[in-house]
Protein backbone atom coordinates (compact mmCIF):
# COMPACT_ATOMS: atom_id res chain seq x y z
CA MET A 1 131.41 165.22 150.60
CA ILE A 2 134.04 162.91 149.95
CA HIS A 3 137.80 164.50 150.28
CA TYR A 4 140.24 163.18 148.31
CA ILE A 5 144.08 163.68 146.88
CA SER A 6 144.55 163.38 143.06
CA CYS A 7 147.66 162.76 141.97
CA PRO A 8 148.04 162.54 138.08
CA PRO A 9 151.13 161.05 136.29
CA SER A 10 153.71 163.53 135.01
CA ASP A 11 152.43 163.16 131.54
CA PRO A 12 148.63 162.30 131.65
CA ALA A 13 148.63 161.50 128.21
CA LYS A 14 150.54 158.55 128.82
CA SER A 15 148.60 157.58 131.69
CA LYS A 16 148.44 153.66 132.42
CA GLY A 17 145.31 154.08 134.12
CA THR A 18 143.87 155.21 137.64
CA ILE A 19 144.59 153.21 140.89
CA LEU A 20 142.26 154.17 143.75
CA LEU A 21 143.66 153.47 147.60
CA ILE A 22 141.43 153.02 150.11
CA HIS A 23 142.62 153.42 153.96
CA GLY A 24 141.45 151.67 156.80
CA PHE A 25 141.02 152.39 160.87
CA PRO A 26 142.36 154.05 162.57
CA GLN A 27 143.90 156.08 159.68
CA THR A 28 142.76 158.22 156.59
CA SER A 29 144.12 159.26 153.18
CA TYR A 30 147.42 160.26 155.03
CA GLN A 31 147.87 156.39 155.35
CA PHE A 32 149.46 156.49 151.81
CA ARG A 33 151.53 159.65 151.99
CA ARG A 34 154.96 157.54 151.33
CA VAL A 35 153.49 155.60 147.95
CA ILE A 36 151.28 158.07 146.04
CA THR A 37 154.37 159.88 144.51
CA PRO A 38 156.22 156.09 143.41
CA ILE A 39 152.58 155.10 142.00
CA SER A 40 152.12 158.24 140.16
CA ASP A 41 155.79 158.27 138.80
CA ALA A 42 155.06 154.83 137.28
CA GLY A 43 152.31 156.25 135.24
CA TYR A 44 149.39 156.06 136.91
CA HIS A 45 146.69 158.65 138.35
CA VAL A 46 146.10 157.94 141.85
CA VAL A 47 143.20 158.85 143.58
CA VAL A 48 143.36 158.84 147.40
CA PRO A 49 139.82 159.59 149.39
CA ASP A 50 139.21 159.88 152.91
CA TYR A 51 135.79 157.50 153.23
CA ARG A 52 132.95 158.49 154.98
CA GLY A 53 133.35 159.36 158.32
CA ALA A 54 136.99 160.11 158.40
CA GLY A 55 139.65 162.86 157.70
CA GLU A 56 138.12 165.81 155.86
CA SER A 57 135.04 163.89 154.58
CA SER A 58 131.80 164.28 155.68
CA LYS A 59 130.59 162.31 159.07
CA PRO A 60 127.30 161.34 158.43
CA TRP A 61 125.30 159.24 161.34
CA THR A 62 124.23 156.36 159.04
CA GLY A 63 125.39 154.63 155.99
CA TYR A 64 128.57 152.85 156.92
CA THR A 65 127.78 149.36 155.13
CA LYS A 66 130.39 148.85 152.92
CA ASP A 67 128.17 148.82 149.60
CA ILE A 68 127.27 152.66 150.79
CA MET A 69 131.02 153.14 151.24
CA ALA A 70 131.87 151.73 148.11
CA ARG A 71 129.10 153.66 146.22
CA ASP A 72 130.33 156.94 147.50
CA LEU A 73 133.73 156.20 146.01
CA TYR A 74 132.24 154.98 142.73
CA ARG A 75 130.43 158.64 142.46
CA LEU A 76 133.68 160.28 143.24
CA VAL A 77 135.47 158.44 140.36
CA THR A 78 132.78 158.23 137.68
CA ASP A 79 130.88 161.40 138.52
CA HIS A 80 132.90 163.98 139.85
CA LEU A 81 136.45 163.03 138.53
CA SER A 82 134.65 161.76 135.26
CA ILE A 83 136.80 158.54 134.96
CA LYS A 84 135.09 156.26 132.66
CA ASP A 85 137.87 153.56 132.20
CA PRO A 86 138.05 150.51 134.62
CA ILE A 87 140.22 151.28 137.39
CA HIS A 88 142.24 149.30 139.85
CA VAL A 89 140.93 149.49 143.43
CA VAL A 90 143.39 148.99 146.29
CA GLY A 91 142.14 148.62 149.88
CA HIS A 92 143.52 148.27 153.34
CA ASP A 93 141.93 147.17 156.44
CA ILE A 94 138.42 148.74 156.60
CA GLY A 95 139.04 149.65 153.14
CA GLY A 96 139.77 146.41 151.90
CA MET A 97 136.24 145.55 152.91
CA VAL A 98 135.16 148.78 150.67
CA ALA A 99 137.38 147.72 147.77
CA HIS A 100 135.65 143.91 147.65
CA ALA A 101 132.36 145.51 147.78
CA TYR A 102 133.55 147.94 144.72
CA ALA A 103 134.57 145.16 142.64
CA VAL A 104 131.58 143.07 143.33
CA LEU A 105 129.17 146.10 142.84
CA PHE A 106 131.05 147.53 139.89
CA PRO A 107 132.81 144.85 137.82
CA ASP A 108 132.90 146.26 134.71
CA SER A 109 134.42 149.76 136.23
CA THR A 110 137.08 147.70 138.20
CA ALA A 111 140.19 146.51 136.30
CA SER A 112 141.69 144.52 139.44
CA VAL A 113 141.04 144.60 143.01
CA CYS A 114 143.82 144.31 145.79
CA TRP A 115 142.82 144.07 149.38
CA GLY A 116 144.22 142.53 152.61
CA GLU A 117 144.68 143.15 156.22
CA CYS A 118 141.18 142.55 157.12
CA PRO A 119 139.10 139.54 158.07
CA LEU A 120 136.26 139.71 155.32
CA PRO A 121 132.90 139.75 157.16
CA GLY A 122 130.93 136.81 156.31
CA SER A 123 134.09 134.41 155.57
CA GLN A 124 135.24 131.77 157.58
CA PRO A 125 138.25 133.18 158.80
CA TYR A 126 136.30 136.62 160.29
CA HIS A 127 133.96 134.12 162.32
CA GLU A 128 136.82 132.50 163.63
CA VAL A 129 138.75 135.64 164.90
CA LYS A 130 136.02 138.31 165.49
CA SER A 131 135.49 137.32 169.30
CA THR A 132 139.25 136.52 169.98
CA MET A 133 141.56 138.81 171.94
CA PRO A 134 143.39 140.36 169.30
CA PHE A 135 140.34 141.46 167.78
CA PHE A 136 138.61 142.75 171.04
CA HIS A 137 137.83 146.09 169.33
CA PHE A 138 135.60 144.25 166.89
CA THR A 139 133.06 143.50 169.80
CA PHE A 140 134.03 146.90 171.68
CA HIS A 141 133.27 149.20 168.56
CA CYS A 142 129.78 147.51 168.32
CA VAL A 143 128.41 148.75 171.60
CA PRO A 144 126.31 151.59 171.23
CA ASP A 145 127.86 155.18 171.82
CA LEU A 146 130.14 153.90 174.96
CA PRO A 147 133.12 153.48 173.07
CA GLU A 148 133.18 157.12 171.61
CA LEU A 149 132.44 158.61 175.30
CA LEU A 150 135.32 156.47 176.78
CA VAL A 151 137.98 157.50 173.92
CA GLN A 152 137.00 161.16 173.87
CA GLY A 153 139.88 163.05 174.85
CA LYS A 154 141.89 159.91 175.06
CA GLU A 155 142.16 159.41 171.03
CA ARG A 156 146.03 159.63 171.05
CA ILE A 157 146.28 156.88 173.38
CA TYR A 158 143.67 154.64 171.93
CA LEU A 159 145.13 154.98 168.37
CA LYS A 160 148.73 154.56 169.67
CA HIS A 161 147.39 151.00 171.02
CA PHE A 162 146.89 149.80 167.47
CA TYR A 163 149.83 151.24 165.94
CA ASP A 164 151.98 149.40 168.47
CA ARG A 165 150.35 146.25 168.95
CA HIS A 166 149.62 145.41 165.14
CA GLY A 167 153.19 147.18 163.47
CA GLN A 168 156.23 145.27 163.02
CA ASN A 169 158.45 148.52 162.38
CA PRO A 170 158.24 150.90 165.28
CA SER A 171 159.56 153.77 163.45
CA ALA A 172 156.92 153.57 160.56
CA ILE A 173 154.80 155.57 162.24
CA SER A 174 156.16 158.60 163.93
CA THR A 175 155.28 160.90 167.00
CA HIS A 176 154.29 163.51 164.23
CA ASP A 177 152.16 160.75 162.09
CA LEU A 178 150.60 159.82 165.40
CA ASP A 179 149.80 163.56 166.09
CA VAL A 180 148.15 163.89 162.50
CA TYR A 181 146.03 160.88 163.09
CA ALA A 182 144.93 161.60 166.65
CA THR A 183 143.93 165.22 165.35
CA ALA A 184 141.89 163.68 162.68
CA TYR A 185 139.94 161.34 164.89
CA ALA A 186 139.63 163.85 167.65
CA MET A 187 137.16 165.86 165.11
CA PRO A 188 133.67 165.89 166.08
CA GLY A 189 131.93 162.84 164.34
CA SER A 190 135.18 160.85 163.40
CA MET A 191 135.47 158.34 166.06
CA ARG A 192 131.69 157.60 165.76
CA GLY A 193 132.26 157.23 161.97
CA GLY A 194 135.12 154.90 162.78
CA MET A 195 132.91 152.77 165.18
CA ASN A 196 130.23 152.63 163.02
CA THR A 197 132.33 150.78 159.95
CA TYR A 198 132.66 147.95 163.04
CA ARG A 199 128.90 148.17 163.62
CA ALA A 200 128.12 147.47 160.23
CA PHE A 201 130.13 144.21 160.08
CA GLU A 202 127.31 141.57 160.37
CA ALA A 203 125.34 143.26 157.86
CA ASP A 204 128.39 143.31 155.58
CA GLY A 205 128.58 139.66 156.17
CA GLU A 206 125.36 139.00 155.20
CA MET A 207 125.48 140.95 151.97
CA ASN A 208 128.82 139.65 150.98
CA ASN A 209 127.28 136.09 151.30
CA LYS A 210 124.27 137.22 149.68
CA TRP A 211 126.08 138.75 146.70
CA VAL A 212 127.99 135.71 145.74
CA LYS A 213 124.84 133.33 146.24
CA GLU A 214 122.92 135.59 143.87
CA LYS A 215 125.79 136.61 141.44
CA GLY A 216 128.38 133.76 141.73
CA LYS A 217 131.85 134.48 142.15
CA CYS A 218 133.30 138.11 141.48
CA LYS A 219 135.14 138.01 137.95
CA VAL A 220 137.63 140.86 138.80
CA ARG A 221 140.93 139.62 139.52
CA CYS A 222 141.73 139.78 143.22
CA LEU A 223 144.83 140.08 145.03
CA ASN A 224 145.22 139.33 148.92
CA LEU A 225 148.09 141.42 150.11
CA TRP A 226 149.38 141.00 153.91
CA GLY A 227 152.24 141.91 155.88
CA ALA A 228 154.49 138.90 156.58
CA GLN A 229 154.30 139.48 160.41
CA SER A 230 150.61 140.29 160.68
CA PHE A 231 148.21 137.92 162.02
CA SER A 232 147.45 136.05 158.66
CA ASP A 233 149.19 133.54 156.38
CA GLU A 234 148.61 132.40 152.80
CA LYS A 235 145.96 129.40 153.75
CA THR A 236 143.92 131.82 155.78
CA ALA A 237 143.79 134.61 152.95
CA MET A 238 143.10 132.27 150.38
CA THR A 239 140.31 130.54 152.68
CA MET A 240 138.89 134.41 152.88
CA ALA A 241 138.95 135.22 149.32
CA GLU A 242 138.46 132.11 147.05
CA PRO A 243 134.72 131.95 148.21
CA TYR A 244 134.38 135.04 146.67
CA TYR A 245 136.39 135.48 143.61
CA GLU A 246 137.13 133.27 140.43
CA GLU A 247 140.67 134.08 140.47
CA VAL A 248 142.54 135.12 143.56
CA GLY A 249 146.24 135.79 143.93
CA PHE A 250 148.36 136.30 147.22
CA GLU A 251 151.42 138.34 148.22
CA MET A 252 153.32 138.84 151.46
CA VAL A 253 155.43 141.61 152.55
CA THR A 254 158.25 140.59 154.12
CA GLY A 255 159.35 142.49 157.50
CA ALA A 256 155.58 144.33 157.68
CA GLY A 257 153.09 144.04 160.15
CA HIS A 258 149.37 145.43 159.67
CA TRP A 259 150.58 149.02 158.25
CA ILE A 260 151.95 147.93 155.15
CA ALA A 261 151.99 150.93 153.21
CA GLU A 262 154.05 152.74 156.03
CA GLU A 263 156.17 150.15 157.36
CA ARG A 264 157.35 149.01 153.98
CA PRO A 265 156.01 151.49 151.28
CA ALA A 266 158.72 150.35 148.43
CA GLU A 267 157.71 146.85 148.75
CA PHE A 268 153.77 147.98 148.90
CA VAL A 269 154.31 149.96 145.97
CA GLU A 270 156.26 146.65 144.09
CA LYS A 271 153.58 144.49 145.04
CA VAL A 272 150.60 146.53 143.62
CA LEU A 273 152.25 147.37 140.74
CA LYS A 274 153.38 143.62 139.83
CA TRP A 275 149.59 142.82 140.30
CA VAL A 276 147.83 145.86 138.55
CA GLU A 277 150.37 145.03 135.41
CA SER A 278 150.21 141.63 135.37
CA LYS A 279 147.41 141.37 132.85
């Protein structure tokens, strides 16, 4: 079961289309609380799920490769919500990896894709950073069972480390917001689900490179969106995306670290809508 938020435009008859927002780790659909209404007010139907293993969605033991997670969301959009027109897919962090899989698997159902703040598994930048200290959790989360046991009861402390370390705007994630996320990840199976998304990275990387060899570059136009004070730069981001897409754009959000939609919500909305409406 995939839990989701659905926010249609004020006049559905004049809808400009659907935008699917996919959160990352350690977050939930709550990540997009400040941008849902502005995007909807711009004329779009906004759909914001908790992906499998997170928030109010089911938390199975398996199925955390990004192709399976993308298929979850495709079924949500096409079967449950009966949306037949191509949609715009926007993903952040782990959600960015899912967004990439969605665009590759369902190009005819994807009008555009926007992702960032994630080293895409299989790419050159991913291999360069995955074992470095700022990304210690890439290795830690892949250890079977132990991370969940060590973090149990200390979810708030563990999550706060990431919000503090990777953010530029300290006020973006308040004490209340931290409580919301900590409560979500203290739910049975939630932290395990989060760790399992990392445990699938190597399989994801093999799949990403297999797809491009078999299918060629993805024809869906792709925007790479990053925080200006995050770990990436334009050269790194383009090196990450260009081997996988025929058309790649790049945008930086000034004054934002990793948590773009929370640190600079107005700029996030501006960049996403500019890309969505550019063609």
